[in-house]
Protein backbone atom coordinates (compact mmCIF):
# COMPACT_ATOMS: atom_id res chain seq x y z
CA MET A 1 -11.14 16.19 5.43
CA ALA A 2 -11.49 19.89 4.22
CA GLY A 3 -9.08 22.51 5.16
CA HIS A 4 -5.64 22.19 6.52
CA SER A 5 -4.03 18.85 5.78
CA LYS A 6 -2.67 17.20 9.02
CA TRP A 7 -0.80 14.51 7.30
CA LYS A 8 0.73 16.95 4.85
CA ASN A 9 1.83 19.21 7.75
CA ILE A 10 3.29 16.14 9.55
CA ALA A 11 4.97 14.77 6.43
CA ALA A 12 6.80 18.13 5.67
CA ARG A 13 8.42 17.81 9.09
CA LYS A 14 9.16 14.24 8.48
CA GLY A 15 10.67 15.03 5.15
CA LYS A 16 13.48 16.92 6.97
CA VAL A 17 14.36 13.61 8.77
CA ASP A 18 14.01 11.61 5.65
CA ALA A 19 16.72 13.52 4.06
CA LYS A 20 19.10 11.84 6.44
CA ARG A 21 18.44 8.55 4.57
CA GLY A 22 21.24 6.49 6.16
CA LYS A 23 20.21 7.18 9.58
CA VAL A 24 16.65 6.36 8.74
CA PHE A 25 17.80 2.99 7.34
CA THR A 26 19.91 2.37 10.44
CA LYS A 27 17.02 2.79 12.75
CA ILE A 28 14.71 0.75 10.63
CA GLY A 29 17.40 -2.02 10.56
CA LYS A 30 17.19 -1.96 14.30
CA GLU A 31 13.56 -2.40 14.28
CA LEU A 32 13.99 -5.26 11.92
CA ALA A 33 16.38 -7.13 14.32
CA VAL A 34 13.95 -6.58 17.29
CA ALA A 35 11.05 -8.07 15.24
CA VAL A 36 13.29 -10.96 14.18
CA LYS A 37 14.29 -11.68 17.84
CA ALA A 38 10.73 -11.51 18.91
CA GLY A 39 9.31 -13.74 16.30
CA GLY A 40 11.93 -15.20 14.03
CA ALA A 41 13.14 -14.54 10.50
CA ASN A 42 10.23 -15.87 8.51
CA PRO A 43 7.86 -12.98 7.65
CA GLU A 44 5.13 -15.50 6.88
CA ALA A 45 5.10 -16.54 10.42
CA ASN A 46 5.97 -13.17 12.10
CA ALA A 47 3.45 -10.54 11.71
CA LYS A 48 5.54 -7.90 13.35
CA LEU A 49 8.30 -8.50 10.93
CA ARG A 50 5.82 -8.22 7.90
CA ASP A 51 4.65 -4.87 9.34
CA THR A 52 8.38 -3.61 9.77
CA ILE A 53 9.31 -4.77 6.28
CA ALA A 54 6.43 -2.90 4.98
CA LYS A 55 7.63 0.25 6.90
CA ALA A 56 11.07 -0.14 5.47
CA LYS A 57 9.74 -0.39 1.86
CA SER A 58 7.65 2.69 2.38
CA ASN A 59 10.74 4.54 3.45
CA ASN A 60 12.56 3.21 0.25
CA MET A 61 14.88 1.02 2.02
CA PRO A 62 16.48 -1.19 -0.58
CA LYS A 63 15.37 -4.91 -0.67
CA ASP A 64 18.89 -6.08 -0.27
CA SER A 65 19.44 -3.98 2.77
CA ILE A 66 16.15 -5.34 4.23
CA GLU A 67 17.22 -9.01 3.58
CA LYS A 68 20.74 -8.32 4.96
CA ALA A 69 19.27 -6.93 8.24
CA ILE A 70 17.08 -9.82 8.69
CA LYS A 71 19.66 -12.46 7.88
CA LYS A 72 22.12 -10.68 10.28
CA ALA A 73 19.63 -10.50 13.09
CA ALA A 74 18.72 -14.19 12.49
CA GLY A 75 22.44 -15.53 12.47
CA ASP A 76 23.54 -13.38 15.47
CA ALA A 77 22.78 -15.34 18.61
CA ASN A 78 24.92 -12.83 20.65
CA ALA A 79 22.97 -9.67 19.27
CA VAL A 80 22.44 -6.82 21.67
CA SER A 81 19.10 -6.87 23.28
CA PHE A 82 17.10 -3.65 22.92
CA ASP A 83 14.47 -2.26 25.51
CA GLU A 84 11.40 -0.42 23.81
CA ILE A 85 10.60 2.62 25.95
CA ILE A 86 8.62 5.74 25.35
CA TYR A 87 9.42 8.97 27.01
CA GLU A 88 6.60 11.51 27.33
CA GLY A 89 6.78 15.23 27.77
CA TYR A 90 6.13 18.63 26.66
CA GLY A 91 7.83 20.85 24.00
CA PRO A 92 7.55 24.64 23.91
CA ASN A 93 4.06 26.13 24.11
CA GLY A 94 2.77 22.98 25.77
CA ILE A 95 3.09 20.68 22.74
CA ALA A 96 2.64 16.93 23.65
CA VAL A 97 5.47 14.85 22.66
CA LEU A 98 6.03 11.05 22.83
CA VAL A 99 9.79 9.91 22.02
CA GLU A 100 10.08 6.20 21.20
CA VAL A 101 13.51 4.67 21.63
CA LEU A 102 15.17 1.27 21.25
CA THR A 103 18.11 1.27 23.64
CA ASP A 104 20.60 -1.10 25.25
CA ASN A 105 21.35 1.56 27.79
CA LYS A 106 18.14 3.10 29.53
CA ASN A 107 20.38 5.54 31.62
CA ARG A 108 21.93 6.99 28.59
CA SER A 109 18.59 7.29 26.64
CA ALA A 110 16.79 8.92 29.61
CA SER A 111 19.50 11.34 30.08
CA SER A 112 19.83 12.41 26.49
CA VAL A 113 16.12 12.58 25.84
CA ARG A 114 15.58 14.60 28.98
CA HIS A 115 18.39 17.08 27.83
CA ALA A 116 16.72 17.64 24.52
CA TYR A 117 13.32 18.30 26.12
CA SER A 118 14.92 20.87 28.52
CA LYS A 119 17.27 22.56 26.14
CA HIS A 120 14.59 23.60 23.70
CA GLY A 121 11.90 24.98 26.07
CA GLY A 122 10.18 21.75 27.15
CA ASN A 123 10.40 19.18 29.86
CA MET A 124 10.30 15.54 30.18
CA GLY A 125 7.35 14.25 32.32
CA ALA A 126 6.15 11.12 34.05
CA ALA A 127 4.71 8.15 32.31
CA GLY A 128 1.13 8.94 31.26
CA CYS A 129 1.56 12.70 31.28
CA VAL A 130 0.58 12.96 27.69
CA SER A 131 0.08 9.62 26.08
CA PHE A 132 -3.72 9.86 27.00
CA MET A 133 -3.80 12.46 24.19
CA PHE A 134 -2.68 9.96 21.58
CA GLN A 135 -4.15 6.82 20.13
CA LYS A 136 -2.05 4.00 18.91
CA LYS A 137 -3.25 3.14 15.41
CA GLY A 138 -2.16 1.63 12.04
CA GLN A 139 -1.89 4.23 9.39
CA ILE A 140 -1.63 3.65 5.69
CA VAL A 141 -1.27 6.75 3.43
CA ILE A 142 -1.98 6.38 -0.28
CA GLU A 143 -1.40 9.08 -2.83
CA LYS A 144 -4.38 10.16 -4.94
CA LYS A 145 -3.93 9.01 -8.54
CA ASP A 146 -6.04 9.49 -11.84
CA GLY A 147 -8.59 6.79 -11.81
CA MET A 148 -8.44 5.87 -8.33
CA ASP A 149 -11.98 5.53 -6.97
CA GLU A 150 -12.58 6.86 -3.44
CA ASP A 151 -15.64 4.80 -2.63
CA GLU A 152 -13.98 1.55 -3.93
CA LEU A 153 -10.86 2.17 -1.83
CA MET A 154 -13.00 2.79 1.25
CA MET A 155 -15.14 -0.31 0.70
CA LEU A 156 -12.03 -2.41 0.25
CA ALA A 157 -10.38 -0.91 3.35
CA LEU A 158 -13.44 -1.41 5.62
CA ASP A 159 -13.99 -4.92 4.37
CA ALA A 160 -10.60 -5.70 5.30
CA GLY A 161 -10.87 -4.41 8.84
CA ALA A 162 -9.98 -0.78 8.70
CA GLU A 163 -11.62 1.67 10.97
CA ASP A 164 -11.81 4.76 8.55
CA LEU A 165 -10.50 6.46 5.37
CA SER A 166 -10.14 10.20 5.40
CA VAL A 167 -9.42 12.36 2.31
CA GLU A 168 -6.95 15.13 2.25
CA GLU A 169 -5.58 17.27 -0.40
CA GLU A 170 -3.14 14.95 -2.08
CA VAL A 171 -3.78 11.49 -0.18
CA PHE A 172 -6.07 9.07 1.39
CA VAL A 173 -5.38 8.18 4.98
CA ILE A 174 -6.59 4.73 6.19
CA THR A 175 -6.48 4.11 9.92
CA THR A 176 -6.84 0.76 11.63
CA GLU A 177 -6.55 -0.84 14.91
CA PRO A 178 -2.96 -2.06 15.41
CA SER A 179 -4.21 -5.69 15.44
CA GLU A 180 -5.85 -5.04 12.07
CA PHE A 181 -3.10 -3.22 10.37
CA GLY A 182 -1.34 -6.08 8.78
CA THR A 183 -4.51 -7.59 7.41
CA VAL A 184 -5.61 -4.39 5.88
CA ARG A 185 -2.16 -3.38 4.42
CA GLU A 186 -1.85 -6.95 2.96
CA LYS A 187 -5.27 -6.81 1.37
CA LEU A 188 -4.30 -3.43 -0.35
CA GLU A 189 -1.14 -5.00 -1.47
CA GLU A 190 -3.08 -8.04 -3.08
CA ASN A 191 -5.27 -5.46 -5.05
CA GLY A 192 -2.15 -3.64 -6.28
CA ILE A 193 -2.55 -0.43 -4.38
CA GLU A 194 0.83 1.17 -3.39
CA TYR A 195 1.31 3.36 -0.20
CA LEU A 196 3.48 6.19 0.68
CA GLU A 197 3.62 5.27 4.25
CA ALA A 198 2.39 2.21 6.33
CA GLU A 199 3.27 1.80 9.94
CA ILE A 200 1.91 1.58 13.51
CA THR A 201 1.88 5.17 14.77
CA TYR A 202 0.42 7.35 17.52
CA ILE A 203 -2.11 9.87 16.37
CA PRO A 204 -3.11 12.77 18.44
CA ASP A 205 -6.77 13.28 19.46
CA THR A 206 -6.32 17.10 19.07
CA TYR A 207 -3.59 19.42 17.60
CA THR A 208 -1.89 22.41 19.10
CA ALA A 209 -1.53 25.33 16.65
CA ILE A 210 1.89 26.98 16.97
CA ASP A 211 3.24 30.23 15.57
CA GLU A 212 6.53 30.67 13.62
CA ASP A 213 8.72 31.36 16.64
CA THR A 214 7.58 28.29 18.51
CA ALA A 215 7.80 26.19 15.36
CA THR A 216 11.47 27.04 15.08
CA LYS A 217 12.20 26.20 18.63
CA PHE A 218 10.19 22.95 18.39
CA GLN A 219 11.99 21.94 15.13
CA LYS A 220 15.34 22.42 16.69
CA MET A 221 14.06 19.90 19.51
CA LEU A 222 12.90 17.43 17.01
CA ASP A 223 16.18 17.47 15.11
CA GLN A 224 18.03 16.75 18.36
CA PHE A 225 15.74 13.83 18.89
CA GLU A 226 16.13 12.58 15.59
CA ASP A 227 20.03 12.76 15.55
CA ASP A 228 19.83 10.49 18.74
CA ASP A 229 20.75 7.01 17.58
CA ASP A 230 18.55 5.48 20.31
CA VAL A 231 15.44 7.31 19.11
CA GLN A 232 13.35 5.49 16.70
CA ASN A 233 10.29 7.74 16.32
CA VAL A 234 8.98 11.00 17.72
CA TYR A 235 5.15 11.79 17.87
CA HIS A 236 3.60 15.06 18.69
CA ASN A 237 0.52 16.93 18.31
CA ALA A 238 2.17 20.37 16.99
CA GLU A 239 0.33 22.07 14.01
CA PHE A 240 2.94 23.95 12.22
CA PRO A 241 2.11 27.23 10.53
CA GLU A 242 0.84 26.77 6.82
CA GLY A 243 3.74 27.10 4.62
CA TRP A 244 6.29 27.38 7.34
CA GLU A 245 9.76 26.36 6.55
CA GLU A 246 12.73 26.27 9.12
């Protein structure tokens, strides 16, 4: 992919969140608990748990922390049950935004998410208002390294069931159908290929370019979402200005 790197653009925004490492680990721990409750504590028999463990590892969550979260979830029969909800809406300048939450209190989550939308020049909409602008996909991001052959990597990924491999400035981005994500990721692991990121995500069909003023407003909205303990992930189609920093 020539020109502006979409992944690099998004990764820069995510980097601000990754700095809050403890909060990231807490949120992934919640996802691990949900996966265990849905399919058991044995990763070999629970594809969702395997995928969540991969996400935890790509976020540099320590192995012992992952194991403790799984063990705690498996041993706690009275664990809180979480609802998975996606709130749709618009940021400033018509940016499409999906806010994914895991919550034990829908009213609390809806209220806090709605407030974050409206406070920063956006508004929460009805279900379906922007989700049609995104595709749910598996995404695996691999850093370019000396000696790595693009054609070999593409053949390996496609043979395993991937949809596509795009080339950006510093990374390869492999996309899959959600149902094929685990198979593709495991094939890469078997061949010793490390990744920067591996998760099921929502990828926008098109991006909305924003100026610096809008970027500043929107980053404040993102920060408020990410500070919310119920919010797991935020997906959007904003294209921040090249080189923009808050």
